[in-house]
Amino acid sequence: MLKPESRPARLQYLTNNFRVLVDGDYVTCAGTGARIPLEELRYWSAARQEAYATAEAATAALAPQ
């Protein structure tokens, strides 16, 4: 759960992990705009350097248009 004084983190998304570039508490989902606490981050695209809140959001964002 995010604290009221939370601040965004900046990450480098790698294939199987991510690297914290700027300390923070959360990242923003590229698909929904939801805040994702770092300890709950499970889905991202290394190619697009984007985070996703859910598998559904990741699938929707990565599906061919």
Protein backbone atom coordinates (compact mmCIF):
# COMPACT_ATOMS: atom_id res chain seq x y z
CA MET A 1 0.00 0.00 0.00
CA LEU A 2 1.26 3.45 -0.89
CA LYS A 3 1.80 6.09 1.74
CA PRO A 4 0.39 9.60 1.21
CA GLU A 5 3.94 10.95 0.79
CA SER A 6 4.91 8.32 -1.84
CA ARG A 7 6.98 9.40 -4.78
CA PRO A 8 7.48 7.88 -8.21
CA ALA A 9 10.51 5.72 -8.95
CA ARG A 10 12.37 5.66 -12.23
CA LEU A 11 13.35 2.20 -13.45
CA GLN A 12 15.26 0.58 -16.26
CA TYR A 13 13.27 -2.49 -17.29
CA LEU A 14 15.44 -5.48 -18.16
CA THR A 15 14.38 -8.85 -19.57
CA ASN A 16 14.02 -10.65 -16.23
CA ASN A 17 14.46 -7.84 -13.72
CA PHE A 18 14.55 -4.09 -13.37
CA ARG A 19 17.11 -1.62 -12.11
CA VAL A 20 16.15 1.33 -9.91
CA LEU A 21 17.57 4.52 -11.40
CA VAL A 22 15.76 6.95 -9.08
CA ASP A 23 14.49 5.78 -5.70
CA GLY A 24 10.75 5.93 -5.18
CA ASP A 25 7.76 3.93 -4.02
CA TYR A 26 5.82 3.27 -7.22
CA VAL A 27 5.71 3.39 -11.02
CA THR A 28 2.73 4.23 -13.22
CA CYS A 29 1.02 1.64 -15.40
CA ALA A 30 1.40 2.54 -19.09
CA GLY A 31 -2.00 1.02 -19.90
CA THR A 32 -4.25 2.17 -17.06
CA GLY A 33 -2.39 5.01 -15.33
CA ALA A 34 -2.65 3.17 -11.99
CA ARG A 35 0.14 3.49 -9.45
CA ILE A 36 2.01 0.23 -8.94
CA PRO A 37 4.00 -0.15 -5.70
CA LEU A 38 7.46 -1.51 -6.55
CA GLU A 39 6.95 -4.57 -4.36
CA GLU A 40 3.87 -5.45 -6.47
CA LEU A 41 5.42 -4.83 -9.91
CA ARG A 42 5.23 -8.07 -11.92
CA TYR A 43 4.62 -7.05 -15.54
CA TRP A 44 6.69 -4.81 -17.82
CA SER A 45 8.13 -4.53 -21.31
CA ALA A 46 11.90 -4.22 -21.59
CA ALA A 47 11.55 -3.28 -25.28
CA ARG A 48 9.07 -0.47 -24.58
CA GLN A 49 10.42 0.43 -21.10
CA GLU A 50 6.86 0.41 -19.69
CA ALA A 51 5.28 -1.06 -16.57
CA TYR A 52 1.82 -2.67 -16.40
CA ALA A 53 -0.44 -3.15 -13.38
CA THR A 54 -1.95 -6.45 -14.51
CA ALA A 55 -1.42 -9.22 -17.05
CA GLU A 56 -4.53 -7.96 -18.86
CA ALA A 57 -3.08 -4.43 -19.14
CA ALA A 58 0.20 -5.86 -20.47
CA THR A 59 -1.60 -8.04 -23.00
CA ALA A 60 -3.72 -5.14 -24.22
CA ALA A 61 -0.71 -2.84 -24.56
CA LEU A 62 1.43 -5.41 -26.34
CA ALA A 63 -1.27 -6.80 -28.67
CA PRO A 64 -0.82 -5.94 -32.37
CA GLN A 65 -3.04 -3.06 -33.42
